[in-house]
Amino acid sequence: MSFETGRMKGDLKVRTKEFALAVVRLYSDLARRREAQIIGDQILRSGTSVGAHFREAQRANQNQIS
């Protein structure tokens, strides 16, 4: 891991995966009430999409370089 303009570079893939796993754990710990499940579904979709968006951006960047 190196620092570039004050930010860590190279560990975003790991951090997005850890974040998604934490979101899944949060979702599984929610109460089984309807209100909690509705909000939980949205949190699950939003929280796990971060890694997907990162991977998509990485692939697009690699295609531009090639």
N, C-alpha and C. Protein backbone atom coordinates (compact mmCIF):
# COMPACT_ATOMS: atom_id res chain seq x y z
N MET A 1 0.85 -1.17 0.00
CA MET A 1 0.00 0.00 0.00
C MET A 1 0.89 1.23 0.00
N SER A 2 0.57 2.17 -0.89
CA SER A 2 1.35 3.39 -0.95
C SER A 2 0.42 4.58 -0.75
N PHE A 3 1.02 5.70 -0.40
CA PHE A 3 0.25 6.91 -0.20
C PHE A 3 0.41 7.81 -1.41
N GLU A 4 -0.69 8.27 -1.93
CA GLU A 4 -0.67 9.16 -3.08
C GLU A 4 -1.59 10.33 -2.78
N THR A 5 -1.06 11.50 -2.75
CA THR A 5 -1.80 12.73 -2.40
C THR A 5 -2.60 12.57 -1.11
N GLY A 6 -1.98 11.97 -0.10
CA GLY A 6 -2.62 11.87 1.20
C GLY A 6 -3.62 10.74 1.35
N ARG A 7 -3.82 9.95 0.33
CA ARG A 7 -4.78 8.84 0.40
C ARG A 7 -4.05 7.52 0.22
N MET A 8 -4.63 6.49 0.83
CA MET A 8 -4.06 5.16 0.65
C MET A 8 -4.47 4.64 -0.72
N LYS A 9 -3.54 4.05 -1.41
CA LYS A 9 -3.82 3.51 -2.74
C LYS A 9 -3.62 2.00 -2.71
N GLY A 10 -4.50 1.27 -3.34
CA GLY A 10 -4.30 -0.16 -3.47
C GLY A 10 -5.12 -1.01 -2.54
N ASP A 11 -5.77 -0.43 -1.55
CA ASP A 11 -6.51 -1.26 -0.60
C ASP A 11 -8.02 -1.06 -0.72
N LEU A 12 -8.47 -0.32 -1.71
CA LEU A 12 -9.90 -0.05 -1.83
C LEU A 12 -10.70 -1.32 -2.11
N LYS A 13 -10.14 -2.23 -2.86
CA LYS A 13 -10.82 -3.50 -3.14
C LYS A 13 -11.09 -4.26 -1.84
N VAL A 14 -10.11 -4.29 -0.97
CA VAL A 14 -10.25 -4.97 0.32
C VAL A 14 -11.27 -4.25 1.20
N ARG A 15 -11.18 -2.93 1.24
CA ARG A 15 -12.09 -2.15 2.09
C ARG A 15 -13.54 -2.25 1.62
N THR A 16 -13.78 -2.27 0.30
CA THR A 16 -15.15 -2.38 -0.18
C THR A 16 -15.72 -3.76 0.13
N LYS A 17 -14.89 -4.78 0.08
CA LYS A 17 -15.35 -6.14 0.42
C LYS A 17 -15.69 -6.22 1.91
N GLU A 18 -14.82 -5.67 2.76
CA GLU A 18 -15.08 -5.68 4.20
C GLU A 18 -16.34 -4.89 4.53
N PHE A 19 -16.55 -3.78 3.83
CA PHE A 19 -17.75 -2.97 4.06
C PHE A 19 -19.01 -3.75 3.69
N ALA A 20 -18.97 -4.43 2.55
CA ALA A 20 -20.12 -5.22 2.12
C ALA A 20 -20.42 -6.34 3.12
N LEU A 21 -19.40 -6.98 3.63
CA LEU A 21 -19.61 -8.04 4.63
C LEU A 21 -20.20 -7.48 5.92
N ALA A 22 -19.76 -6.29 6.31
CA ALA A 22 -20.32 -5.65 7.51
C ALA A 22 -21.79 -5.30 7.29
N VAL A 23 -22.14 -4.87 6.10
CA VAL A 23 -23.53 -4.55 5.77
C VAL A 23 -24.39 -5.81 5.84
N VAL A 24 -23.88 -6.91 5.32
CA VAL A 24 -24.62 -8.18 5.36
C VAL A 24 -24.84 -8.61 6.80
N ARG A 25 -23.82 -8.46 7.64
CA ARG A 25 -23.97 -8.81 9.06
C ARG A 25 -25.01 -7.92 9.73
N LEU A 26 -24.98 -6.63 9.42
CA LEU A 26 -25.97 -5.70 9.97
C LEU A 26 -27.37 -6.12 9.55
N TYR A 27 -27.54 -6.44 8.30
CA TYR A 27 -28.85 -6.84 7.78
C TYR A 27 -29.36 -8.09 8.50
N SER A 28 -28.48 -9.04 8.71
CA SER A 28 -28.91 -10.29 9.37
C SER A 28 -29.25 -10.07 10.84
N ASP A 29 -28.72 -9.02 11.45
CA ASP A 29 -29.00 -8.72 12.85
C ASP A 29 -30.24 -7.85 13.06
N LEU A 30 -30.83 -7.36 11.98
CA LEU A 30 -32.00 -6.50 12.11
C LEU A 30 -33.20 -7.28 12.65
N ALA A 31 -34.08 -6.55 13.28
CA ALA A 31 -35.32 -7.16 13.78
C ALA A 31 -36.13 -7.68 12.59
N ARG A 32 -36.98 -8.62 12.84
CA ARG A 32 -37.77 -9.22 11.77
C ARG A 32 -39.08 -8.48 11.53
N ARG A 33 -39.19 -7.27 12.05
CA ARG A 33 -40.38 -6.46 11.80
C ARG A 33 -40.36 -5.96 10.36
N ARG A 34 -41.54 -5.73 9.83
CA ARG A 34 -41.67 -5.30 8.44
C ARG A 34 -40.89 -4.02 8.16
N GLU A 35 -40.99 -3.05 9.04
CA GLU A 35 -40.31 -1.76 8.83
C GLU A 35 -38.80 -1.95 8.74
N ALA A 36 -38.27 -2.75 9.65
CA ALA A 36 -36.82 -2.98 9.67
C ALA A 36 -36.37 -3.72 8.42
N GLN A 37 -37.18 -4.64 7.94
CA GLN A 37 -36.80 -5.39 6.75
C GLN A 37 -36.84 -4.53 5.49
N ILE A 38 -37.79 -3.62 5.42
CA ILE A 38 -37.86 -2.72 4.26
C ILE A 38 -36.63 -1.83 4.20
N ILE A 39 -36.28 -1.23 5.32
CA ILE A 39 -35.07 -0.39 5.37
C ILE A 39 -33.83 -1.25 5.17
N GLY A 40 -33.82 -2.44 5.78
CA GLY A 40 -32.68 -3.34 5.65
C GLY A 40 -32.43 -3.76 4.22
N ASP A 41 -33.51 -4.00 3.46
CA ASP A 41 -33.34 -4.37 2.05
C ASP A 41 -32.62 -3.28 1.28
N GLN A 42 -33.00 -2.03 1.54
CA GLN A 42 -32.36 -0.91 0.84
C GLN A 42 -30.90 -0.76 1.28
N ILE A 43 -30.64 -0.90 2.56
CA ILE A 43 -29.26 -0.83 3.06
C ILE A 43 -28.41 -1.93 2.43
N LEU A 44 -28.97 -3.13 2.34
CA LEU A 44 -28.25 -4.26 1.75
C LEU A 44 -27.91 -3.98 0.28
N ARG A 45 -28.88 -3.50 -0.49
CA ARG A 45 -28.62 -3.20 -1.90
C ARG A 45 -27.58 -2.09 -2.06
N SER A 46 -27.73 -1.04 -1.28
CA SER A 46 -26.81 0.10 -1.39
C SER A 46 -25.41 -0.25 -0.92
N GLY A 47 -25.34 -0.93 0.21
CA GLY A 47 -24.03 -1.24 0.80
C GLY A 47 -23.22 -2.23 0.01
N THR A 48 -23.88 -3.17 -0.65
CA THR A 48 -23.13 -4.17 -1.42
C THR A 48 -22.83 -3.70 -2.83
N SER A 49 -23.48 -2.64 -3.29
CA SER A 49 -23.22 -2.14 -4.65
C SER A 49 -21.91 -1.36 -4.73
N VAL A 50 -21.39 -0.92 -3.61
CA VAL A 50 -20.15 -0.13 -3.61
C VAL A 50 -19.01 -0.92 -4.26
N GLY A 51 -18.84 -2.17 -3.86
CA GLY A 51 -17.78 -3.00 -4.43
C GLY A 51 -18.00 -3.27 -5.90
N ALA A 52 -19.25 -3.48 -6.30
CA ALA A 52 -19.55 -3.73 -7.71
C ALA A 52 -19.21 -2.52 -8.56
N HIS A 53 -19.53 -1.34 -8.07
CA HIS A 53 -19.21 -0.11 -8.81
C HIS A 53 -17.69 0.09 -8.90
N PHE A 54 -16.99 -0.23 -7.84
CA PHE A 54 -15.53 -0.11 -7.86
C PHE A 54 -14.93 -1.05 -8.90
N ARG A 55 -15.38 -2.31 -8.90
CA ARG A 55 -14.85 -3.28 -9.87
C ARG A 55 -15.18 -2.86 -11.30
N GLU A 56 -16.36 -2.34 -11.52
CA GLU A 56 -16.75 -1.88 -12.85
C GLU A 56 -15.84 -0.75 -13.30
N ALA A 57 -15.55 0.18 -12.42
CA ALA A 57 -14.66 1.29 -12.76
C ALA A 57 -13.25 0.80 -13.05
N GLN A 58 -12.79 -0.18 -12.31
CA GLN A 58 -11.45 -0.74 -12.55
C GLN A 58 -11.37 -1.39 -13.92
N ARG A 59 -12.40 -2.14 -14.27
CA ARG A 59 -12.43 -2.80 -15.58
C ARG A 59 -12.47 -1.77 -16.70
N ALA A 60 -13.27 -0.72 -16.54
CA ALA A 60 -13.35 0.31 -17.57
C ALA A 60 -12.00 1.00 -17.74
N ASN A 61 -11.30 1.24 -16.63
CA ASN A 61 -9.99 1.86 -16.66
C ASN A 61 -8.98 0.96 -17.37
N GLN A 62 -9.05 -0.33 -17.11
CA GLN A 62 -8.13 -1.28 -17.75
C GLN A 62 -8.39 -1.34 -19.25
N ASN A 63 -9.65 -1.26 -19.66
CA ASN A 63 -9.98 -1.29 -21.09
C ASN A 63 -9.47 -0.04 -21.80
N GLN A 64 -9.45 1.09 -21.13
CA GLN A 64 -8.94 2.32 -21.73
C GLN A 64 -7.44 2.25 -21.89
N ILE A 65 -6.76 1.60 -20.95
CA ILE A 65 -5.30 1.50 -21.00
C ILE A 65 -4.85 0.55 -22.11
N SER A 66 -5.59 -0.53 -22.29
CA SER A 66 -5.23 -1.55 -23.30
C SER A 66 -5.35 -1.05 -24.70
